[in-house]
Amino acid sequence: MKGMADRRRSALPAVAALLASALLTGCGAATATQQVPGGDAGRGATSIQSAGCGTCHMISGIAGANGEVGPSLSGIANREYIAGRLRNTPDNLIYWLRFPQRVDPGVDMPDMGLSQADARDIAQYLYTLR
């Protein structure tokens, strides 16, 4: 019995460290800026303005992007899911940006006709929002 109690006590620091790590990293959320191959955050900011994303969304760092129709995109880099359906990965974010109606038919976000390059750049910008 004493041996079992000792093993439990010796495991406590490891369990505590694991729990602290999970809390600090947001239970699986990305901690470093995601990299979108070929994406450029500067071009993404320009594309966000050109596409009018700020009409519906609050987007940090984008002048006039104070829309309240869609969700705020602040902290999107830390979210585990996109639109509550897709894991937050660069490929999924690009797909969502280009084809939200394919992901969730009838969702308020319309297909905006974004090119692959524009969606890649916008995704890279969004991943700077923590």
N, C-alpha and C. Protein backbone atom coordinates (compact mmCIF):
# COMPACT_ATOMS: atom_id res chain seq x y z
N MET A 1 0.81 -1.18 0.00
CA MET A 1 0.00 0.00 0.00
C MET A 1 0.87 1.26 0.00
N LYS A 2 1.93 1.25 0.80
CA LYS A 2 2.81 2.41 0.87
C LYS A 2 3.46 2.66 -0.48
N GLY A 3 3.84 1.60 -1.21
CA GLY A 3 4.46 1.75 -2.53
C GLY A 3 3.53 2.44 -3.51
N MET A 4 2.25 2.10 -3.45
CA MET A 4 1.27 2.72 -4.35
C MET A 4 1.13 4.20 -4.04
N ALA A 5 1.07 4.56 -2.77
CA ALA A 5 0.95 5.96 -2.38
C ALA A 5 2.18 6.74 -2.83
N ASP A 6 3.36 6.14 -2.74
CA ASP A 6 4.59 6.80 -3.19
C ASP A 6 4.56 7.04 -4.69
N ARG A 7 4.09 6.05 -5.45
CA ARG A 7 4.01 6.21 -6.91
C ARG A 7 3.04 7.33 -7.27
N ARG A 8 1.92 7.40 -6.57
CA ARG A 8 0.95 8.47 -6.85
C ARG A 8 1.57 9.83 -6.56
N ARG A 9 2.25 9.94 -5.41
CA ARG A 9 2.88 11.22 -5.06
C ARG A 9 3.95 11.59 -6.09
N SER A 10 4.71 10.63 -6.57
CA SER A 10 5.77 10.95 -7.53
C SER A 10 5.19 11.33 -8.89
N ALA A 11 3.98 10.90 -9.19
CA ALA A 11 3.34 11.24 -10.46
C ALA A 11 2.69 12.61 -10.42
N LEU A 12 2.42 13.13 -9.23
CA LEU A 12 1.72 14.42 -9.12
C LEU A 12 2.44 15.57 -9.82
N PRO A 13 3.76 15.73 -9.67
CA PRO A 13 4.41 16.84 -10.39
C PRO A 13 4.26 16.73 -11.91
N ALA A 14 4.33 15.52 -12.46
CA ALA A 14 4.18 15.34 -13.91
C ALA A 14 2.76 15.69 -14.36
N VAL A 15 1.78 15.25 -13.59
CA VAL A 15 0.39 15.56 -13.91
C VAL A 15 0.15 17.07 -13.82
N ALA A 16 0.69 17.70 -12.78
CA ALA A 16 0.52 19.14 -12.62
C ALA A 16 1.17 19.89 -13.78
N ALA A 17 2.35 19.45 -14.20
CA ALA A 17 3.04 20.09 -15.33
C ALA A 17 2.23 19.93 -16.61
N LEU A 18 1.66 18.76 -16.82
CA LEU A 18 0.85 18.52 -18.01
C LEU A 18 -0.38 19.42 -18.02
N LEU A 19 -1.06 19.53 -16.89
CA LEU A 19 -2.24 20.40 -16.81
C LEU A 19 -1.87 21.86 -17.02
N ALA A 20 -0.79 22.29 -16.41
CA ALA A 20 -0.35 23.68 -16.60
C ALA A 20 -0.02 23.96 -18.05
N SER A 21 0.63 23.01 -18.71
CA SER A 21 0.98 23.17 -20.12
C SER A 21 -0.28 23.29 -20.97
N ALA A 22 -1.27 22.45 -20.70
CA ALA A 22 -2.52 22.50 -21.46
C ALA A 22 -3.22 23.84 -21.26
N LEU A 23 -3.23 24.35 -20.03
CA LEU A 23 -3.87 25.64 -19.78
C LEU A 23 -3.14 26.78 -20.46
N LEU A 24 -1.82 26.75 -20.42
CA LEU A 24 -1.05 27.82 -21.02
C LEU A 24 -1.12 27.83 -22.53
N THR A 25 -1.31 26.66 -23.16
CA THR A 25 -1.37 26.60 -24.61
C THR A 25 -2.79 26.60 -25.13
N GLY A 26 -3.76 26.78 -24.26
CA GLY A 26 -5.15 26.85 -24.72
C GLY A 26 -5.70 25.49 -25.10
N CYS A 27 -5.24 24.46 -24.43
CA CYS A 27 -5.73 23.10 -24.66
C CYS A 27 -5.68 22.72 -26.13
N GLY A 28 -4.55 22.87 -26.74
CA GLY A 28 -4.39 22.44 -28.11
C GLY A 28 -4.37 23.56 -29.12
N ALA A 29 -4.70 24.77 -28.73
CA ALA A 29 -4.67 25.89 -29.68
C ALA A 29 -3.23 26.20 -30.05
N ALA A 30 -3.04 26.70 -31.23
CA ALA A 30 -1.70 27.04 -31.69
C ALA A 30 -1.12 28.15 -30.84
N THR A 31 0.19 28.05 -30.56
CA THR A 31 0.83 29.08 -29.75
C THR A 31 1.72 29.97 -30.60
N ALA A 32 2.21 29.49 -31.71
CA ALA A 32 3.03 30.29 -32.61
C ALA A 32 2.19 30.65 -33.83
N THR A 33 2.55 31.74 -34.49
CA THR A 33 1.80 32.14 -35.67
C THR A 33 1.87 31.04 -36.71
N GLN A 34 0.71 30.60 -37.16
CA GLN A 34 0.65 29.60 -38.23
C GLN A 34 1.28 30.20 -39.47
N GLN A 35 1.97 29.38 -40.21
CA GLN A 35 2.54 29.84 -41.47
C GLN A 35 1.73 29.26 -42.62
N VAL A 36 1.32 30.12 -43.50
CA VAL A 36 0.57 29.72 -44.69
C VAL A 36 1.56 29.77 -45.85
N PRO A 37 1.93 28.62 -46.40
CA PRO A 37 2.90 28.64 -47.50
C PRO A 37 2.47 29.57 -48.63
N GLY A 38 3.34 30.52 -48.95
CA GLY A 38 3.05 31.48 -50.00
C GLY A 38 2.21 32.66 -49.56
N GLY A 39 1.75 32.66 -48.30
CA GLY A 39 0.90 33.74 -47.81
C GLY A 39 1.71 34.92 -47.33
N ASP A 40 1.16 36.11 -47.49
CA ASP A 40 1.82 37.33 -47.07
C ASP A 40 0.80 38.17 -46.30
N ALA A 41 1.07 38.41 -45.02
CA ALA A 41 0.11 39.13 -44.18
C ALA A 41 -0.14 40.56 -44.66
N GLY A 42 0.87 41.22 -45.20
CA GLY A 42 0.68 42.58 -45.72
C GLY A 42 -0.29 42.61 -46.88
N ARG A 43 -0.09 41.69 -47.82
CA ARG A 43 -1.04 41.59 -48.94
C ARG A 43 -2.41 41.17 -48.43
N GLY A 44 -2.43 40.34 -47.39
CA GLY A 44 -3.70 39.89 -46.82
C GLY A 44 -4.50 41.05 -46.27
N ALA A 45 -3.83 41.98 -45.58
CA ALA A 45 -4.52 43.15 -45.05
C ALA A 45 -5.15 43.96 -46.18
N THR A 46 -4.41 44.11 -47.28
CA THR A 46 -4.93 44.84 -48.44
C THR A 46 -6.13 44.11 -49.04
N SER A 47 -6.03 42.79 -49.14
CA SER A 47 -7.14 41.99 -49.70
C SER A 47 -8.36 42.04 -48.81
N ILE A 48 -8.15 42.06 -47.49
CA ILE A 48 -9.27 42.16 -46.55
C ILE A 48 -10.03 43.47 -46.80
N GLN A 49 -9.28 44.55 -46.98
CA GLN A 49 -9.93 45.85 -47.24
C GLN A 49 -10.63 45.82 -48.60
N SER A 50 -9.97 45.29 -49.62
CA SER A 50 -10.56 45.26 -50.97
C SER A 50 -11.83 44.43 -51.02
N ALA A 51 -11.84 43.31 -50.30
CA ALA A 51 -12.99 42.42 -50.31
C ALA A 51 -14.13 42.93 -49.44
N GLY A 52 -13.84 43.92 -48.59
CA GLY A 52 -14.89 44.47 -47.73
C GLY A 52 -15.22 43.59 -46.53
N CYS A 53 -14.28 42.78 -46.09
CA CYS A 53 -14.53 41.87 -44.96
C CYS A 53 -14.95 42.63 -43.69
N GLY A 54 -14.42 43.85 -43.53
CA GLY A 54 -14.72 44.65 -42.36
C GLY A 54 -16.14 45.18 -42.31
N THR A 55 -16.88 45.02 -43.38
CA THR A 55 -18.29 45.40 -43.38
C THR A 55 -19.07 44.51 -42.41
N CYS A 56 -18.66 43.25 -42.33
CA CYS A 56 -19.36 42.29 -41.46
C CYS A 56 -18.57 41.91 -40.21
N HIS A 57 -17.26 42.02 -40.26
CA HIS A 57 -16.41 41.55 -39.16
C HIS A 57 -15.59 42.67 -38.53
N MET A 58 -15.36 42.56 -37.22
CA MET A 58 -14.34 43.38 -36.56
C MET A 58 -13.02 42.67 -36.80
N ILE A 59 -12.06 43.41 -37.34
CA ILE A 59 -10.77 42.80 -37.66
C ILE A 59 -9.67 43.74 -37.18
N SER A 60 -8.94 43.31 -36.17
CA SER A 60 -7.85 44.11 -35.61
C SER A 60 -6.85 44.49 -36.68
N GLY A 61 -6.45 45.77 -36.65
CA GLY A 61 -5.42 46.25 -37.56
C GLY A 61 -5.91 46.67 -38.92
N ILE A 62 -7.21 46.54 -39.18
CA ILE A 62 -7.78 46.92 -40.47
C ILE A 62 -8.68 48.13 -40.24
N ALA A 63 -8.30 49.26 -40.84
CA ALA A 63 -9.08 50.50 -40.68
C ALA A 63 -10.52 50.30 -41.15
N GLY A 64 -11.46 50.71 -40.32
CA GLY A 64 -12.87 50.64 -40.68
C GLY A 64 -13.49 49.25 -40.57
N ALA A 65 -12.72 48.26 -40.16
CA ALA A 65 -13.25 46.89 -40.04
C ALA A 65 -13.90 46.75 -38.66
N ASN A 66 -15.12 47.26 -38.57
CA ASN A 66 -15.84 47.24 -37.30
C ASN A 66 -17.25 46.68 -37.44
N GLY A 67 -17.42 45.79 -38.41
CA GLY A 67 -18.73 45.18 -38.64
C GLY A 67 -19.16 44.31 -37.49
N GLU A 68 -20.46 44.19 -37.33
CA GLU A 68 -21.03 43.39 -36.24
C GLU A 68 -21.99 42.32 -36.74
N VAL A 69 -22.01 42.10 -38.04
CA VAL A 69 -22.89 41.07 -38.59
C VAL A 69 -22.30 39.69 -38.33
N GLY A 70 -21.02 39.53 -38.67
CA GLY A 70 -20.31 38.29 -38.42
C GLY A 70 -19.50 38.40 -37.15
N PRO A 71 -18.89 37.30 -36.73
CA PRO A 71 -18.11 37.34 -35.49
C PRO A 71 -16.85 38.19 -35.64
N SER A 72 -16.38 38.70 -34.51
CA SER A 72 -15.09 39.37 -34.48
C SER A 72 -14.02 38.34 -34.84
N LEU A 73 -13.04 38.77 -35.61
CA LEU A 73 -11.97 37.86 -35.98
C LEU A 73 -10.75 38.01 -35.07
N SER A 74 -10.87 38.84 -34.03
CA SER A 74 -9.81 38.94 -33.05
C SER A 74 -9.60 37.58 -32.40
N GLY A 75 -8.38 37.17 -32.32
CA GLY A 75 -8.06 35.89 -31.68
C GLY A 75 -8.34 34.67 -32.53
N ILE A 76 -8.64 34.85 -33.80
CA ILE A 76 -8.95 33.69 -34.64
C ILE A 76 -7.79 32.71 -34.71
N ALA A 77 -6.57 33.20 -34.58
CA ALA A 77 -5.41 32.32 -34.63
C ALA A 77 -5.41 31.33 -33.47
N ASN A 78 -6.06 31.67 -32.38
CA ASN A 78 -6.10 30.81 -31.21
C ASN A 78 -7.30 29.86 -31.18
N ARG A 79 -8.19 30.02 -32.12
CA ARG A 79 -9.40 29.18 -32.10
C ARG A 79 -9.08 27.80 -32.66
N GLU A 80 -9.70 26.82 -32.08
CA GLU A 80 -9.47 25.45 -32.52
C GLU A 80 -10.26 25.12 -33.79
N TYR A 81 -11.42 25.78 -33.95
CA TYR A 81 -12.28 25.51 -35.10
C TYR A 81 -12.60 26.78 -35.86
N ILE A 82 -12.84 26.63 -37.14
CA ILE A 82 -13.30 27.70 -38.01
C ILE A 82 -14.77 27.43 -38.27
N ALA A 83 -15.60 28.43 -38.03
CA ALA A 83 -17.04 28.32 -38.27
C ALA A 83 -17.66 27.16 -37.49
N GLY A 84 -17.00 26.74 -36.44
CA GLY A 84 -17.51 25.65 -35.62
C GLY A 84 -17.50 24.30 -36.31
N ARG A 85 -16.87 24.20 -37.48
CA ARG A 85 -16.92 22.97 -38.27
C ARG A 85 -15.58 22.41 -38.68
N LEU A 86 -14.65 23.29 -39.00
CA LEU A 86 -13.36 22.86 -39.56
C LEU A 86 -12.25 23.10 -38.55
N ARG A 87 -11.33 22.14 -38.42
CA ARG A 87 -10.15 22.37 -37.59
C ARG A 87 -9.42 23.59 -38.15
N ASN A 88 -8.86 24.39 -37.29
CA ASN A 88 -8.19 25.61 -37.70
C ASN A 88 -6.79 25.28 -38.21
N THR A 89 -6.73 24.96 -39.50
CA THR A 89 -5.47 24.71 -40.18
C THR A 89 -5.39 25.67 -41.37
N PRO A 90 -4.19 25.94 -41.87
CA PRO A 90 -4.09 26.83 -43.03
C PRO A 90 -4.95 26.37 -44.21
N ASP A 91 -4.89 25.10 -44.56
CA ASP A 91 -5.69 24.62 -45.70
C ASP A 91 -7.18 24.81 -45.48
N ASN A 92 -7.65 24.50 -44.27
CA ASN A 92 -9.07 24.65 -43.98
C ASN A 92 -9.50 26.12 -43.96
N LEU A 93 -8.65 26.99 -43.43
CA LEU A 93 -9.00 28.41 -43.41
C LEU A 93 -9.08 28.96 -44.83
N ILE A 94 -8.14 28.58 -45.66
CA ILE A 94 -8.17 29.02 -47.07
C ILE A 94 -9.45 28.52 -47.74
N TYR A 95 -9.79 27.26 -47.52
CA TYR A 95 -11.00 26.69 -48.11
C TYR A 95 -12.24 27.44 -47.62
N TRP A 96 -12.32 27.69 -46.32
CA TRP A 96 -13.45 28.43 -45.75
C TRP A 96 -13.56 29.82 -46.36
N LEU A 97 -12.44 30.51 -46.47
CA LEU A 97 -12.46 31.86 -47.03
C LEU A 97 -12.96 31.87 -48.47
N ARG A 98 -12.61 30.85 -49.22
CA ARG A 98 -13.02 30.80 -50.62
C ARG A 98 -14.43 30.26 -50.80
N PHE A 99 -14.81 29.29 -49.99
CA PHE A 99 -16.07 28.58 -50.24
C PHE A 99 -16.90 28.35 -48.98
N PRO A 100 -17.26 29.40 -48.25
CA PRO A 100 -18.03 29.16 -47.03
C PRO A 100 -19.38 28.47 -47.29
N GLN A 101 -19.97 28.71 -48.43
CA GLN A 101 -21.27 28.08 -48.73
C GLN A 101 -21.13 26.57 -48.98
N ARG A 102 -19.97 26.11 -49.40
CA ARG A 102 -19.74 24.67 -49.55
C ARG A 102 -19.57 24.02 -48.19
N VAL A 103 -18.95 24.76 -47.27
CA VAL A 103 -18.73 24.22 -45.93
C VAL A 103 -20.02 24.19 -45.15
N ASP A 104 -20.80 25.25 -45.24
CA ASP A 104 -22.03 25.38 -44.47
C ASP A 104 -23.08 26.09 -45.32
N PRO A 105 -23.78 25.34 -46.19
CA PRO A 105 -24.77 25.97 -47.08
C PRO A 105 -25.78 26.80 -46.28
N GLY A 106 -25.99 28.01 -46.74
CA GLY A 106 -26.93 28.90 -46.08
C GLY A 106 -26.33 29.78 -45.00
N VAL A 107 -25.06 29.57 -44.69
CA VAL A 107 -24.40 30.42 -43.70
C VAL A 107 -24.44 31.87 -44.20
N ASP A 108 -24.42 32.81 -43.29
CA ASP A 108 -24.51 34.23 -43.68
C ASP A 108 -23.32 34.69 -44.51
N MET A 109 -22.16 34.07 -44.33
CA MET A 109 -20.98 34.51 -45.09
C MET A 109 -21.11 34.03 -46.54
N PRO A 110 -21.11 34.99 -47.46
CA PRO A 110 -21.24 34.60 -48.88
C PRO A 110 -19.89 34.17 -49.46
N ASP A 111 -19.94 33.42 -50.53
CA ASP A 111 -18.73 33.17 -51.31
C ASP A 111 -18.34 34.51 -51.91
N MET A 112 -17.12 34.95 -51.65
CA MET A 112 -16.68 36.28 -52.07
C MET A 112 -15.91 36.27 -53.38
N GLY A 113 -15.72 35.10 -53.97
CA GLY A 113 -14.98 35.02 -55.22
C GLY A 113 -13.48 35.26 -55.04
N LEU A 114 -12.97 34.94 -53.85
CA LEU A 114 -11.54 35.13 -53.59
C LEU A 114 -10.71 34.14 -54.38
N SER A 115 -9.61 34.62 -54.89
CA SER A 115 -8.66 33.72 -55.56
C SER A 115 -7.92 32.91 -54.49
N GLN A 116 -7.28 31.86 -54.92
CA GLN A 116 -6.45 31.06 -54.02
C GLN A 116 -5.38 31.94 -53.37
N ALA A 117 -4.74 32.79 -54.17
CA ALA A 117 -3.68 33.66 -53.67
C ALA A 117 -4.22 34.65 -52.63
N ASP A 118 -5.36 35.28 -52.92
CA ASP A 118 -5.93 36.23 -51.96
C ASP A 118 -6.31 35.52 -50.66
N ALA A 119 -6.93 34.35 -50.76
CA ALA A 119 -7.31 33.61 -49.56
C ALA A 119 -6.09 33.20 -48.75
N ARG A 120 -5.02 32.83 -49.43
CA ARG A 120 -3.77 32.47 -48.75
C ARG A 120 -3.23 33.68 -47.98
N ASP A 121 -3.22 34.84 -48.61
CA ASP A 121 -2.72 36.04 -47.96
C ASP A 121 -3.62 36.46 -46.79
N ILE A 122 -4.92 36.39 -46.98
CA ILE A 122 -5.85 36.74 -45.90
C ILE A 122 -5.67 35.78 -44.73
N ALA A 123 -5.53 34.50 -45.02
CA ALA A 123 -5.30 33.53 -43.96
C ALA A 123 -4.04 33.86 -43.18
N GLN A 124 -2.97 34.22 -43.88
CA GLN A 124 -1.73 34.57 -43.19
C GLN A 124 -1.95 35.79 -42.29
N TYR A 125 -2.69 36.78 -42.77
CA TYR A 125 -3.00 37.94 -41.91
C TYR A 125 -3.81 37.51 -40.69
N LEU A 126 -4.84 36.71 -40.93
CA LEU A 126 -5.70 36.30 -39.81
C LEU A 126 -4.92 35.53 -38.75
N TYR A 127 -3.90 34.79 -39.17
CA TYR A 127 -3.11 34.04 -38.20
C TYR A 127 -2.20 34.94 -37.36
N THR A 128 -2.15 36.23 -37.68
CA THR A 128 -1.42 37.16 -36.81
C THR A 128 -2.31 37.66 -35.69
N LEU A 129 -3.61 37.39 -35.76
CA LEU A 129 -4.57 37.90 -34.77
C LEU A 129 -4.70 36.92 -33.62
N ARG A 130 -4.08 37.26 -32.51
CA ARG A 130 -4.06 36.38 -31.34
C ARG A 130 -4.91 36.93 -30.25
